[in-house]
């Protein structure tokens, strides 16, 4: 008998954003600063907690050393 699993689209989107999209983002404040701000807004709107945490780390590094990447 198959178990019924709960399908949470926001969680799936959050994991894919974290695994597939954020690793491709890198650059200086002029290049990615506005994008990170907009992504933070989307994360807040759709409760994408994993991605928001990583974006906040990237924004912190951007503020500190003027360059950010996923790593």
PDB file of N, CA and C in Angstrom:
ATOM      1  N   UNK A   1       0.837  -1.175   0.000  1.00  0.00           N
ATOM      2  CA  UNK A   1       0.000   0.000   0.000  1.00  0.00           C
ATOM      3  C   UNK A   1       0.889   1.248   0.000  1.00  0.00           C
ATOM      4  N   UNK A   2       0.578   2.208  -0.852  1.00  0.00           N
ATOM      5  CA  UNK A   2       1.347   3.447  -0.945  1.00  0.00           C
ATOM      6  C   UNK A   2       0.928   4.417   0.143  1.00  0.00           C
ATOM      7  N   UNK A   3       1.915   5.081   0.721  1.00  0.00           N
ATOM      8  CA  UNK A   3       1.619   6.100   1.717  1.00  0.00           C
ATOM      9  C   UNK A   3       1.286   7.406   1.010  1.00  0.00           C
ATOM     10  N   UNK A   4       0.359   8.124   1.588  1.00  0.00           N
ATOM     11  CA  UNK A   4       0.017   9.438   1.052  1.00  0.00           C
ATOM     12  C   UNK A   4       1.054  10.436   1.554  1.00  0.00           C
ATOM     13  N   UNK A   5       1.721  11.118   0.636  1.00  0.00           N
ATOM     14  CA  UNK A   5       2.710  12.121   1.025  1.00  0.00           C
ATOM     15  C   UNK A   5       2.140  13.507   0.755  1.00  0.00           C
ATOM     16  N   UNK A   6       2.519  14.431   1.584  1.00  0.00           N
ATOM     17  CA  UNK A   6       2.040  15.795   1.426  1.00  0.00           C
ATOM     18  C   UNK A   6       2.915  16.519   0.414  1.00  0.00           C
ATOM     19  N   UNK A   7       2.294  17.221  -0.496  1.00  0.00           N
ATOM     20  CA  UNK A   7       2.971  17.954  -1.552  1.00  0.00           C
ATOM     21  C   UNK A   7       2.981  19.434  -1.180  1.00  0.00           C
ATOM     22  N   UNK A   8       4.186  19.972  -0.926  1.00  0.00           N
ATOM     23  CA  UNK A   8       4.305  21.374  -0.548  1.00  0.00           C
ATOM     24  C   UNK A   8       5.103  22.096  -1.636  1.00  0.00           C
ATOM     25  N   UNK A   9       4.397  22.771  -2.518  1.00  0.00           N
ATOM     26  CA  UNK A   9       5.025  23.433  -3.664  1.00  0.00           C
ATOM     27  C   UNK A   9       6.045  24.481  -3.224  1.00  0.00           C
ATOM     28  N   UNK A  10       5.730  25.269  -2.195  1.00  0.00           N
ATOM     29  CA  UNK A  10       6.673  26.298  -1.743  1.00  0.00           C
ATOM     30  C   UNK A  10       7.981  25.679  -1.260  1.00  0.00           C
ATOM     31  N   UNK A  11       7.897  24.561  -0.577  1.00  0.00           N
ATOM     32  CA  UNK A  11       9.114  23.893  -0.109  1.00  0.00           C
ATOM     33  C   UNK A  11       9.938  23.382  -1.290  1.00  0.00           C
ATOM     34  N   UNK A  12       9.278  22.853  -2.287  1.00  0.00           N
ATOM     35  CA  UNK A  12       9.977  22.364  -3.473  1.00  0.00           C
ATOM     36  C   UNK A  12      10.653  23.522  -4.207  1.00  0.00           C
ATOM     37  N   UNK A  13       9.940  24.632  -4.366  1.00  0.00           N
ATOM     38  CA  UNK A  13      10.516  25.809  -5.015  1.00  0.00           C
ATOM     39  C   UNK A  13      11.706  26.326  -4.204  1.00  0.00           C
ATOM     40  N   UNK A  14      11.566  26.350  -2.894  1.00  0.00           N
ATOM     41  CA  UNK A  14      12.640  26.802  -2.003  1.00  0.00           C
ATOM     42  C   UNK A  14      13.894  25.951  -2.211  1.00  0.00           C
ATOM     43  N   UNK A  15      13.737  24.642  -2.206  1.00  0.00           N
ATOM     44  CA  UNK A  15      14.886  23.751  -2.371  1.00  0.00           C
ATOM     45  C   UNK A  15      15.525  23.902  -3.748  1.00  0.00           C
ATOM     46  N   UNK A  16      14.718  24.078  -4.789  1.00  0.00           N
ATOM     47  CA  UNK A  16      15.268  24.232  -6.128  1.00  0.00           C
ATOM     48  C   UNK A  16      15.981  25.572  -6.296  1.00  0.00           C
ATOM     49  N   UNK A  17      15.428  26.623  -5.720  1.00  0.00           N
ATOM     50  CA  UNK A  17      16.091  27.932  -5.745  1.00  0.00           C
ATOM     51  C   UNK A  17      17.452  27.834  -5.065  1.00  0.00           C
ATOM     52  N   UNK A  18      17.491  27.161  -3.925  1.00  0.00           N
ATOM     53  CA  UNK A  18      18.729  26.996  -3.171  1.00  0.00           C
ATOM     54  C   UNK A  18      19.742  26.136  -3.923  1.00  0.00           C
ATOM     55  N   UNK A  19      19.291  25.081  -4.553  1.00  0.00           N
ATOM     56  CA  UNK A  19      20.204  24.133  -5.196  1.00  0.00           C
ATOM     57  C   UNK A  19      20.585  24.492  -6.629  1.00  0.00           C
ATOM     58  N   UNK A  20      19.685  25.104  -7.379  1.00  0.00           N
ATOM     59  CA  UNK A  20      19.911  25.297  -8.809  1.00  0.00           C
ATOM     60  C   UNK A  20      20.137  26.738  -9.245  1.00  0.00           C
ATOM     61  N   UNK A  21      19.526  27.687  -8.570  1.00  0.00           N
ATOM     62  CA  UNK A  21      19.598  29.073  -9.034  1.00  0.00           C
ATOM     63  C   UNK A  21      20.624  29.884  -8.256  1.00  0.00           C
ATOM     64  N   UNK A  22      20.565  29.855  -6.936  1.00  0.00           N
ATOM     65  CA  UNK A  22      21.490  30.663  -6.135  1.00  0.00           C
ATOM     66  C   UNK A  22      22.966  30.355  -6.409  1.00  0.00           C
ATOM     67  N   UNK A  23      23.351  29.101  -6.670  1.00  0.00           N
ATOM     68  CA  UNK A  23      24.775  28.858  -6.955  1.00  0.00           C
ATOM     69  C   UNK A  23      25.289  29.567  -8.212  1.00  0.00           C
ATOM     70  N   UNK A  24      24.399  29.987  -9.079  1.00  0.00           N
ATOM     71  CA  UNK A  24      24.811  30.665 -10.312  1.00  0.00           C
ATOM     72  C   UNK A  24      24.976  32.178 -10.133  1.00  0.00           C
ATOM     73  N   UNK A  25      24.592  32.689  -8.969  1.00  0.00           N
ATOM     74  CA  UNK A  25      24.647  34.131  -8.714  1.00  0.00           C
ATOM     75  C   UNK A  25      25.962  34.491  -8.033  1.00  0.00           C
ATOM     76  N   UNK A  26      26.704  35.391  -8.659  1.00  0.00           N
ATOM     77  CA  UNK A  26      27.944  35.894  -8.075  1.00  0.00           C
ATOM     78  C   UNK A  26      28.270  37.241  -8.704  1.00  0.00           C
ATOM     79  N   UNK A  27      28.916  38.082  -7.925  1.00  0.00           N
ATOM     80  CA  UNK A  27      29.305  39.373  -8.460  1.00  0.00           C
ATOM     81  C   UNK A  27      29.415  40.428  -7.367  1.00  0.00           C
ATOM     82  N   UNK A  28      29.628  41.673  -7.823  1.00  0.00           N
ATOM     83  CA  UNK A  28      29.744  42.775  -6.876  1.00  0.00           C
ATOM     84  C   UNK A  28      28.370  43.402  -6.622  1.00  0.00           C
ATOM     85  N   UNK A  29      28.343  44.411  -5.755  1.00  0.00           N
ATOM     86  CA  UNK A  29      27.072  45.012  -5.348  1.00  0.00           C
ATOM     87  C   UNK A  29      26.323  45.596  -6.542  1.00  0.00           C
ATOM     88  N   UNK A  30      27.036  46.213  -7.448  1.00  0.00           N
ATOM     89  CA  UNK A  30      26.389  46.805  -8.621  1.00  0.00           C
ATOM     90  C   UNK A  30      25.744  45.724  -9.487  1.00  0.00           C
ATOM     91  N   UNK A  31      26.393  44.582  -9.591  1.00  0.00           N
ATOM     92  CA  UNK A  31      25.889  43.506 -10.442  1.00  0.00           C
ATOM     93  C   UNK A  31      24.731  42.729  -9.826  1.00  0.00           C
ATOM     94  N   UNK A  32      24.806  42.420  -8.524  1.00  0.00           N
ATOM     95  CA  UNK A  32      23.808  41.519  -7.936  1.00  0.00           C
ATOM     96  C   UNK A  32      23.070  42.086  -6.720  1.00  0.00           C
ATOM     97  N   UNK A  33      23.414  43.273  -6.284  1.00  0.00           N
ATOM     98  CA  UNK A  33      22.796  43.836  -5.080  1.00  0.00           C
ATOM     99  C   UNK A  33      21.285  43.944  -5.178  1.00  0.00           C
ATOM    100  N   UNK A  34      20.788  44.521  -6.251  1.00  0.00           N
ATOM    101  CA  UNK A  34      19.342  44.685  -6.430  1.00  0.00           C
ATOM    102  C   UNK A  34      18.657  43.328  -6.574  1.00  0.00           C
ATOM    103  N   UNK A  35      19.289  42.402  -7.285  1.00  0.00           N
ATOM    104  CA  UNK A  35      18.718  41.067  -7.464  1.00  0.00           C
ATOM    105  C   UNK A  35      18.536  40.356  -6.122  1.00  0.00           C
ATOM    106  N   UNK A  36      19.535  40.448  -5.251  1.00  0.00           N
ATOM    107  CA  UNK A  36      19.433  39.805  -3.944  1.00  0.00           C
ATOM    108  C   UNK A  36      18.310  40.422  -3.116  1.00  0.00           C
ATOM    109  N   UNK A  37      18.137  41.736  -3.225  1.00  0.00           N
ATOM    110  CA  UNK A  37      17.042  42.400  -2.510  1.00  0.00           C
ATOM    111  C   UNK A  37      15.689  41.901  -3.018  1.00  0.00           C
ATOM    112  N   UNK A  38      15.545  41.785  -4.330  1.00  0.00           N
ATOM    113  CA  UNK A  38      14.289  41.311  -4.905  1.00  0.00           C
ATOM    114  C   UNK A  38      14.030  39.849  -4.532  1.00  0.00           C
ATOM    115  N   UNK A  39      15.072  39.035  -4.536  1.00  0.00           N
ATOM    116  CA  UNK A  39      14.914  37.638  -4.134  1.00  0.00           C
ATOM    117  C   UNK A  39      14.514  37.531  -2.657  1.00  0.00           C
ATOM    118  N   UNK A  40      15.049  38.410  -1.825  1.00  0.00           N
ATOM    119  CA  UNK A  40      14.658  38.422  -0.414  1.00  0.00           C
ATOM    120  C   UNK A  40      13.166  38.703  -0.285  1.00  0.00           C
ATOM    121  N   UNK A  41      12.668  39.642  -1.070  1.00  0.00           N
ATOM    122  CA  UNK A  41      11.235  39.946  -1.057  1.00  0.00           C
ATOM    123  C   UNK A  41      10.394  38.750  -1.477  1.00  0.00           C
ATOM    124  N   UNK A  42      10.828  38.038  -2.496  1.00  0.00           N
ATOM    125  CA  UNK A  42      10.105  36.837  -2.926  1.00  0.00           C
ATOM    126  C   UNK A  42      10.134  35.760  -1.853  1.00  0.00           C
ATOM    127  N   UNK A  43      11.276  35.616  -1.202  1.00  0.00           N
ATOM    128  CA  UNK A  43      11.394  34.624  -0.132  1.00  0.00           C
ATOM    129  C   UNK A  43      10.444  34.951   1.014  1.00  0.00           C
ATOM    130  N   UNK A  44      10.321  36.226   1.339  1.00  0.00           N
ATOM    131  CA  UNK A  44       9.386  36.643   2.389  1.00  0.00           C
ATOM    132  C   UNK A  44       7.940  36.371   1.964  1.00  0.00           C
ATOM    133  N   UNK A  45       7.632  36.706   0.722  1.00  0.00           N
ATOM    134  CA  UNK A  45       6.265  36.562   0.222  1.00  0.00           C
ATOM    135  C   UNK A  45       5.806  35.103   0.212  1.00  0.00           C
ATOM    136  N   UNK A  46       6.716  34.192  -0.160  1.00  0.00           N
ATOM    137  CA  UNK A  46       6.342  32.786  -0.320  1.00  0.00           C
ATOM    138  C   UNK A  46       6.915  31.864   0.757  1.00  0.00           C
ATOM    139  N   UNK A  47       7.444  32.429   1.816  1.00  0.00           N
ATOM    140  CA  UNK A  47       7.995  31.660   2.951  1.00  0.00           C
ATOM    141  C   UNK A  47       9.063  30.657   2.507  1.00  0.00           C
ATOM    142  N   UNK A  48      10.042  31.144   1.752  1.00  0.00           N
ATOM    143  CA  UNK A  48      11.146  30.311   1.288  1.00  0.00           C
ATOM    144  C   UNK A  48      12.310  30.476   2.261  1.00  0.00           C
ATOM    145  N   UNK A  49      12.237  29.769   3.377  1.00  0.00           N
ATOM    146  CA  UNK A  49      13.154  30.009   4.485  1.00  0.00           C
ATOM    147  C   UNK A  49      14.592  29.570   4.199  1.00  0.00           C
ATOM    148  N   UNK A  50      14.783  28.466   3.501  1.00  0.00           N
ATOM    149  CA  UNK A  50      16.143  27.993   3.212  1.00  0.00           C
ATOM    150  C   UNK A  50      16.872  28.978   2.295  1.00  0.00           C
ATOM    151  N   UNK A  51      16.193  29.383   1.254  1.00  0.00           N
ATOM    152  CA  UNK A  51      16.794  30.324   0.300  1.00  0.00           C
ATOM    153  C   UNK A  51      17.040  31.681   0.944  1.00  0.00           C
ATOM    154  N   UNK A  52      16.100  32.143   1.771  1.00  0.00           N
ATOM    155  CA  UNK A  52      16.277  33.443   2.417  1.00  0.00           C
ATOM    156  C   UNK A  52      17.511  33.439   3.304  1.00  0.00           C
ATOM    157  N   UNK A  53      17.716  32.357   4.033  1.00  0.00           N
ATOM    158  CA  UNK A  53      18.892  32.267   4.904  1.00  0.00           C
ATOM    159  C   UNK A  53      20.174  32.386   4.083  1.00  0.00           C
ATOM    160  N   UNK A  54      20.240  31.693   2.961  1.00  0.00           N
ATOM    161  CA  UNK A  54      21.439  31.738   2.119  1.00  0.00           C
ATOM    162  C   UNK A  54      21.608  33.123   1.490  1.00  0.00           C
ATOM    163  N   UNK A  55      20.515  33.719   1.045  1.00  0.00           N
ATOM    164  CA  UNK A  55      20.585  35.056   0.452  1.00  0.00           C
ATOM    165  C   UNK A  55      21.082  36.067   1.479  1.00  0.00           C
ATOM    166  N   UNK A  56      20.619  35.959   2.717  1.00  0.00           N
ATOM    167  CA  UNK A  56      21.082  36.865   3.770  1.00  0.00           C
ATOM    168  C   UNK A  56      22.585  36.693   4.002  1.00  0.00           C
ATOM    169  N   UNK A  57      23.085  35.471   3.935  1.00  0.00           N
ATOM    170  CA  UNK A  57      24.528  35.240   4.055  1.00  0.00           C
ATOM    171  C   UNK A  57      25.268  35.912   2.902  1.00  0.00           C
ATOM    172  N   UNK A  58      24.730  35.770   1.695  1.00  0.00           N
ATOM    173  CA  UNK A  58      25.355  36.380   0.519  1.00  0.00           C
ATOM    174  C   UNK A  58      25.345  37.904   0.642  1.00  0.00           C
ATOM    175  N   UNK A  59      24.241  38.477   1.128  1.00  0.00           N
ATOM    176  CA  UNK A  59      24.165  39.926   1.304  1.00  0.00           C
ATOM    177  C   UNK A  59      25.165  40.398   2.354  1.00  0.00           C
ATOM    178  N   UNK A  60      25.362  39.622   3.397  1.00  0.00           N
ATOM    179  CA  UNK A  60      26.346  39.970   4.416  1.00  0.00           C
ATOM    180  C   UNK A  60      27.749  39.988   3.860  1.00  0.00           C
ATOM    181  N   UNK A  61      28.074  38.986   3.066  1.00  0.00           N
ATOM    182  CA  UNK A  61      29.397  38.940   2.443  1.00  0.00           C
ATOM    183  C   UNK A  61      29.560  40.088   1.453  1.00  0.00           C
ATOM    184  N   UNK A  62      28.507  40.402   0.724  1.00  0.00           N
ATOM    185  CA  UNK A  62      28.544  41.510  -0.231  1.00  0.00           C
ATOM    186  C   UNK A  62      28.837  42.828   0.490  1.00  0.00           C
ATOM    187  N   UNK A  63      28.229  43.022   1.640  1.00  0.00           N
ATOM    188  CA  UNK A  63      28.458  44.243   2.412  1.00  0.00           C
ATOM    189  C   UNK A  63      29.876  44.286   2.982  1.00  0.00           C
ATOM    190  N   UNK A  64      30.394  43.120   3.352  1.00  0.00           N
ATOM    191  CA  UNK A  64      31.700  43.068   4.002  1.00  0.00           C
ATOM    192  C   UNK A  64      32.866  43.174   3.014  1.00  0.00           C
ATOM    193  N   UNK A  65      32.826  42.427   1.925  1.00  0.00           N
ATOM    194  CA  UNK A  65      33.974  42.371   1.009  1.00  0.00           C
ATOM    195  C   UNK A  65      33.647  42.839  -0.401  1.00  0.00           C
ATOM    196  N   UNK A  66      32.432  43.388  -0.584  1.00  0.00           N
ATOM    197  CA  UNK A  66      32.015  43.952  -1.867  1.00  0.00           C
ATOM    198  C   UNK A  66      31.908  42.925  -2.992  1.00  0.00           C
ATOM    199  N   UNK A  67      31.840  41.647  -2.650  1.00  0.00           N
ATOM    200  CA  UNK A  67      31.668  40.588  -3.636  1.00  0.00           C
ATOM    201  C   UNK A  67      30.951  39.433  -2.960  1.00  0.00           C
ATOM    202  N   UNK A  68      30.069  38.774  -3.672  1.00  0.00           N
ATOM    203  CA  UNK A  68      29.371  37.638  -3.085  1.00  0.00           C
ATOM    204  C   UNK A  68      29.216  36.525  -4.098  1.00  0.00           C
ATOM    205  N   UNK A  69      29.240  35.315  -3.587  1.00  0.00           N
ATOM    206  CA  UNK A  69      28.940  34.134  -4.382  1.00  0.00           C
ATOM    207  C   UNK A  69      28.248  33.142  -3.464  1.00  0.00           C
ATOM    208  N   UNK A  70      27.780  32.062  -4.022  1.00  0.00           N
ATOM    209  CA  UNK A  70      27.048  31.065  -3.249  1.00  0.00           C
ATOM    210  C   UNK A  70      27.938  30.400  -2.207  1.00  0.00           C
ATOM    211  N   UNK A  71      29.193  30.221  -2.536  1.00  0.00           N
ATOM    212  CA  UNK A  71      30.118  29.505  -1.647  1.00  0.00           C
ATOM    213  C   UNK A  71      30.560  30.392  -0.494  1.00  0.00           C
TER     214      UNK A  71
END
